[in-house]
């Protein structure tokens, strides 16, 4: 990213999930956006993600089940797209991409981001790191179109 230590505010968790019930992630977003006035928010997944892979398997994983449900919900939302992909590895990578996209949408729909977007520019970025090639891929997600299509549902401010 070409930045010095202390110039990046980072929050990590399994499969980069940002559910509306994760007080830890929401607190990080509130502090970063509302208090530090962070302008760029990046959700960065990676190919080979064990959390996404686990969500694709029909297995009971105990306490991980509610967490992985968030990824299974992404699969449900994009089921028609994913099931058109016959190659399992390609479907897995596409689910990783779509999970990054949906987590960015979750962030955009938080109250603090909505409030701050009214007064200044905030930029959302969906990236995926390809561990095999070492490349960082910008998914070039069209957030404006996505958010315009759901604003009537999620807009709170």
Protein backbone atom coordinates (compact mmCIF):
# COMPACT_ATOMS: atom_id res chain seq x y z
CA UNK A 1 0.00 0.00 0.00
CA UNK A 2 3.03 2.24 0.19
CA UNK A 3 2.13 3.57 3.64
CA UNK A 4 4.16 3.92 6.81
CA UNK A 5 3.43 2.17 10.11
CA UNK A 6 0.52 3.86 11.86
CA UNK A 7 -1.04 5.07 8.60
CA UNK A 8 -3.30 2.02 8.28
CA UNK A 9 -6.01 1.13 10.77
CA UNK A 10 -6.63 -2.64 10.56
CA UNK A 11 -9.33 -4.99 11.78
CA UNK A 12 -9.08 -8.70 10.99
CA UNK A 13 -11.38 -11.64 11.46
CA UNK A 14 -12.32 -14.96 9.86
CA UNK A 15 -13.30 -14.45 6.21
CA UNK A 16 -13.46 -10.64 6.58
CA UNK A 17 -17.10 -10.78 7.66
CA UNK A 18 -18.75 -7.50 8.73
CA UNK A 19 -22.14 -8.52 10.13
CA UNK A 20 -24.40 -5.97 11.77
CA UNK A 21 -24.14 -7.92 15.03
CA UNK A 22 -20.34 -7.77 15.40
CA UNK A 23 -19.84 -4.99 17.93
CA UNK A 24 -16.06 -5.31 17.59
CA UNK A 25 -16.05 -4.67 13.82
CA UNK A 26 -18.70 -1.96 14.12
CA UNK A 27 -16.69 -0.23 16.85
CA UNK A 28 -13.61 -0.25 14.62
CA UNK A 29 -15.61 1.29 11.77
CA UNK A 30 -17.17 3.88 14.10
CA UNK A 31 -13.77 4.91 15.46
CA UNK A 32 -12.00 4.90 12.10
CA UNK A 33 -14.69 6.71 10.10
CA UNK A 34 -16.39 8.81 12.75
CA UNK A 35 -13.39 9.90 14.83
CA UNK A 36 -10.22 9.41 12.78
CA UNK A 37 -12.02 10.57 9.61
CA UNK A 38 -10.63 7.71 7.54
CA UNK A 39 -11.46 8.26 3.86
CA UNK A 40 -10.59 4.85 2.39
CA UNK A 41 -12.07 1.59 3.64
CA UNK A 42 -10.70 -1.64 2.20
CA UNK A 43 -12.16 -5.09 2.56
CA UNK A 44 -9.42 -7.46 1.47
CA UNK A 45 -10.15 -11.14 1.09
CA UNK A 46 -7.74 -13.75 -0.20
CA UNK A 47 -7.95 -16.75 -2.44
CA UNK A 48 -7.54 -19.91 -0.44
CA UNK A 49 -9.67 -18.48 2.41
CA UNK A 50 -10.42 -21.27 4.87
CA UNK A 51 -13.51 -19.51 6.23
CA UNK A 52 -15.15 -19.32 2.80
CA UNK A 53 -14.11 -22.91 2.05
CA UNK A 54 -15.61 -24.10 5.34
CA UNK A 55 -18.88 -22.29 4.55
CA UNK A 56 -19.11 -24.20 1.27
CA UNK A 57 -19.00 -27.54 3.11
CA UNK A 58 -22.13 -29.07 4.67
CA UNK A 59 -20.53 -29.68 8.05
CA UNK A 60 -21.33 -28.82 11.65
CA UNK A 61 -18.44 -26.65 12.84
CA UNK A 62 -19.82 -25.83 16.27
CA UNK A 63 -19.40 -22.21 17.34
CA UNK A 64 -18.27 -21.30 13.80
CA UNK A 65 -21.73 -22.14 12.41
CA UNK A 66 -23.32 -18.72 13.10
CA UNK A 67 -20.24 -16.92 11.75
CA UNK A 68 -20.13 -19.00 8.57
CA UNK A 69 -23.86 -18.45 8.07
CA UNK A 70 -22.93 -14.95 6.90
CA UNK A 71 -20.95 -16.45 4.01
CA UNK A 72 -23.70 -18.95 3.30
CA UNK A 73 -26.06 -15.97 3.06
CA UNK A 74 -23.76 -14.46 0.43
CA UNK A 75 -23.98 -17.77 -1.45
CA UNK A 76 -27.78 -17.69 -1.17
CA UNK A 77 -27.98 -14.11 -2.49
CA UNK A 78 -25.75 -14.96 -5.46
CA UNK A 79 -26.80 -18.60 -5.91
CA UNK A 80 -27.82 -18.27 -9.56
CA UNK A 81 -24.46 -16.70 -10.47
CA UNK A 82 -22.44 -19.22 -8.48
CA UNK A 83 -24.29 -22.29 -9.70
CA UNK A 84 -23.64 -21.35 -13.33
CA UNK A 85 -19.94 -21.94 -12.59
CA UNK A 86 -19.28 -25.67 -13.05
CA UNK A 87 -15.65 -25.72 -11.91
CA UNK A 88 -15.58 -25.94 -8.10
CA UNK A 89 -12.33 -23.96 -7.73
CA UNK A 90 -13.67 -21.14 -9.92
CA UNK A 91 -16.94 -21.12 -7.95
CA UNK A 92 -14.94 -20.94 -4.71
CA UNK A 93 -12.94 -17.94 -5.99
CA UNK A 94 -16.11 -16.23 -7.17
CA UNK A 95 -17.68 -16.71 -3.72
CA UNK A 96 -14.58 -15.09 -2.19
CA UNK A 97 -15.03 -12.12 -4.57
CA UNK A 98 -18.75 -11.85 -3.81
CA UNK A 99 -18.13 -12.12 -0.07
CA UNK A 100 -15.75 -9.15 -0.27
CA UNK A 101 -18.40 -7.23 -2.20
CA UNK A 102 -21.17 -8.00 0.30
CA UNK A 103 -19.00 -7.04 3.27
CA UNK A 104 -18.28 -3.70 1.60
CA UNK A 105 -22.04 -3.24 1.16
CA UNK A 106 -22.53 -4.06 4.85
CA UNK A 107 -20.00 -1.35 5.74
CA UNK A 108 -21.64 1.19 3.41
CA UNK A 109 -24.95 0.53 5.12
CA UNK A 110 -23.68 1.26 8.62
CA UNK A 111 -25.09 4.40 10.18
CA UNK A 112 -21.70 6.04 10.74
CA UNK A 113 -20.66 5.58 7.11
CA UNK A 114 -24.02 6.87 5.88
CA UNK A 115 -23.72 9.95 8.12
CA UNK A 116 -20.13 10.68 7.13
CA UNK A 117 -20.85 10.18 3.40
CA UNK A 118 -23.29 13.09 3.57
CA UNK A 119 -20.49 15.46 4.55
CA UNK A 120 -17.39 14.09 2.84
CA UNK A 121 -16.08 11.48 0.45
CA UNK A 122 -15.55 7.98 1.72
CA UNK A 123 -14.15 5.44 -0.69
CA UNK A 124 -14.89 1.72 -0.40
CA UNK A 125 -12.50 -0.74 -2.00
CA UNK A 126 -13.02 -4.46 -2.48
CA UNK A 127 -9.73 -6.26 -2.97
CA UNK A 128 -8.62 -9.88 -3.10
CA UNK A 129 -5.06 -11.05 -2.56
CA UNK A 130 -4.07 -13.97 -4.76
CA UNK A 131 -1.62 -15.88 -2.59
CA UNK A 132 -0.38 -18.00 -5.51
CA UNK A 133 0.57 -15.06 -7.75
CA UNK A 134 1.23 -12.43 -5.09
CA UNK A 135 -1.14 -10.06 -6.90
CA UNK A 136 -3.57 -7.73 -5.19
CA UNK A 137 -6.73 -7.60 -7.28
CA UNK A 138 -9.09 -4.62 -7.22
CA UNK A 139 -12.55 -6.08 -7.85
CA UNK A 140 -13.70 -2.71 -9.23
CA UNK A 141 -17.09 -3.07 -7.58
CA UNK A 142 -19.74 -0.60 -8.77
CA UNK A 143 -20.86 0.47 -5.30
CA UNK A 144 -22.95 3.36 -6.58
CA UNK A 145 -25.24 1.05 -8.55
CA UNK A 146 -25.44 -1.50 -5.74
CA UNK A 147 -26.17 1.10 -3.07
CA UNK A 148 -28.65 3.00 -5.25
CA UNK A 149 -30.61 -0.23 -5.70
CA UNK A 150 -30.86 -0.83 -1.94
CA UNK A 151 -30.96 2.72 -0.54
CA UNK A 152 -34.70 2.57 0.11
CA UNK A 153 -34.15 -0.49 2.28
CA UNK A 154 -31.00 0.41 4.22
CA UNK A 155 -30.87 4.21 4.34
CA UNK A 156 -31.31 5.37 7.94
CA UNK A 157 -29.92 8.90 7.92
